[in-house]
Amino acid sequence: MHTYEDISSKNWLSKFKDTDTNLGDLAVDVINDTTFPDSTDSNELMKYIRMRTPDKVVHKTLEAAIALYNAASESHDSPFHTEPYQL
């Protein structure tokens, strides 16, 4: 069984591909972009996306996705978290 820590940010984001949201649209774009960095470094990810598109909605969506990923990661590291998220 994989733990949350085993899931890269790129793989985590891909879990949203079937949602009808900006996050889902971003997930599809990331899946189709073979050069998208598989990184957890928010600066690297934001630099990459800003080079790829001037669209501020995409920038804000990635910022929100990074914040959500980090919040989920922190909650899994918490001693109060006892069950894994169902992604």
Protein backbone atom coordinates (compact mmCIF):
# COMPACT_ATOMS: atom_id res chain seq x y z
CA MET A 1 0.00 0.00 0.00
CA HIS A 2 1.28 3.46 -0.89
CA THR A 3 1.39 6.16 1.70
CA TYR A 4 0.58 9.77 0.96
CA GLU A 5 4.31 10.57 1.00
CA ASP A 6 4.74 8.21 -1.98
CA ILE A 7 2.48 10.37 -4.16
CA SER A 8 4.27 13.08 -6.11
CA SER A 9 2.55 16.39 -6.60
CA LYS A 10 2.10 15.60 -10.30
CA ASN A 11 0.49 12.24 -9.54
CA TRP A 12 -1.61 13.80 -6.79
CA LEU A 13 -2.86 16.48 -9.18
CA SER A 14 -3.76 13.87 -11.79
CA LYS A 15 -6.35 12.45 -9.37
CA PHE A 16 -8.52 15.51 -10.15
CA LYS A 17 -8.61 14.93 -13.92
CA ASP A 18 -12.27 13.91 -13.95
CA THR A 19 -13.53 16.87 -11.94
CA ASP A 20 -15.37 19.63 -13.79
CA THR A 21 -13.32 22.41 -12.22
CA ASN A 22 -10.32 24.58 -12.98
CA LEU A 23 -8.31 22.07 -10.97
CA GLY A 24 -9.58 19.26 -13.19
CA ASP A 25 -8.67 21.22 -16.32
CA LEU A 26 -5.19 21.85 -14.92
CA ALA A 27 -4.82 18.16 -14.08
CA VAL A 28 -5.60 17.19 -17.68
CA ASP A 29 -3.12 19.77 -18.98
CA VAL A 30 -0.42 18.50 -16.62
CA ILE A 31 -1.05 14.88 -17.61
CA ASN A 32 -0.68 15.81 -21.28
CA ASP A 33 2.43 17.97 -20.71
CA THR A 34 5.38 15.58 -20.74
CA THR A 35 7.74 18.37 -19.64
CA PHE A 36 5.74 19.45 -16.58
CA PRO A 37 8.13 19.13 -13.60
CA ASP A 38 7.44 16.27 -11.21
CA SER A 39 8.42 18.40 -8.27
CA THR A 40 7.07 19.59 -4.95
CA ASP A 41 9.00 22.87 -5.19
CA SER A 42 6.31 25.54 -5.55
CA ASN A 43 8.76 28.07 -6.99
CA GLU A 44 9.83 25.63 -9.72
CA LEU A 45 6.23 24.75 -10.56
CA MET A 46 5.07 28.37 -10.69
CA LYS A 47 8.08 29.43 -12.77
CA TYR A 48 7.33 26.65 -15.23
CA ILE A 49 3.62 27.45 -15.56
CA ARG A 50 4.30 31.18 -15.97
CA MET A 51 6.68 30.37 -18.84
CA ARG A 52 4.03 28.14 -20.46
CA THR A 53 1.01 30.45 -20.26
CA PRO A 54 0.17 34.06 -19.42
CA ASP A 55 -3.30 32.96 -18.21
CA LYS A 56 -3.74 34.26 -14.64
CA VAL A 57 -6.54 31.75 -13.96
CA VAL A 58 -4.12 28.90 -14.62
CA HIS A 59 -1.54 30.56 -12.36
CA LYS A 60 -4.06 30.97 -9.53
CA THR A 61 -5.32 27.41 -10.00
CA LEU A 62 -1.80 26.01 -9.70
CA GLU A 63 -1.15 28.18 -6.63
CA ALA A 64 -4.32 26.79 -5.05
CA ALA A 65 -3.37 23.23 -6.01
CA ILE A 66 0.06 23.65 -4.42
CA ALA A 67 -1.52 25.01 -1.23
CA LEU A 68 -3.99 22.13 -1.14
CA TYR A 69 -1.23 19.56 -1.75
CA ASN A 70 0.88 21.09 1.02
CA ALA A 71 -2.07 21.23 3.43
CA ALA A 72 -2.87 17.58 2.76
CA SER A 73 0.78 16.67 3.22
CA GLU A 74 0.93 18.51 6.54
CA SER A 75 -2.22 16.82 7.80
CA HIS A 76 -0.76 13.41 6.96
CA ASP A 77 2.39 14.27 8.92
CA SER A 78 0.29 15.30 11.89
CA PRO A 79 0.23 12.93 14.88
CA PHE A 80 -3.54 13.45 14.94
CA HIS A 81 -4.02 12.02 11.46
CA THR A 82 -4.67 8.29 11.71
CA GLU A 83 -6.33 7.31 8.42
CA PRO A 84 -5.12 7.93 4.84
CA TYR A 85 -7.14 10.08 2.49
CA GLN A 86 -9.07 8.24 -0.16
CA LEU A 87 -7.94 9.80 -3.42
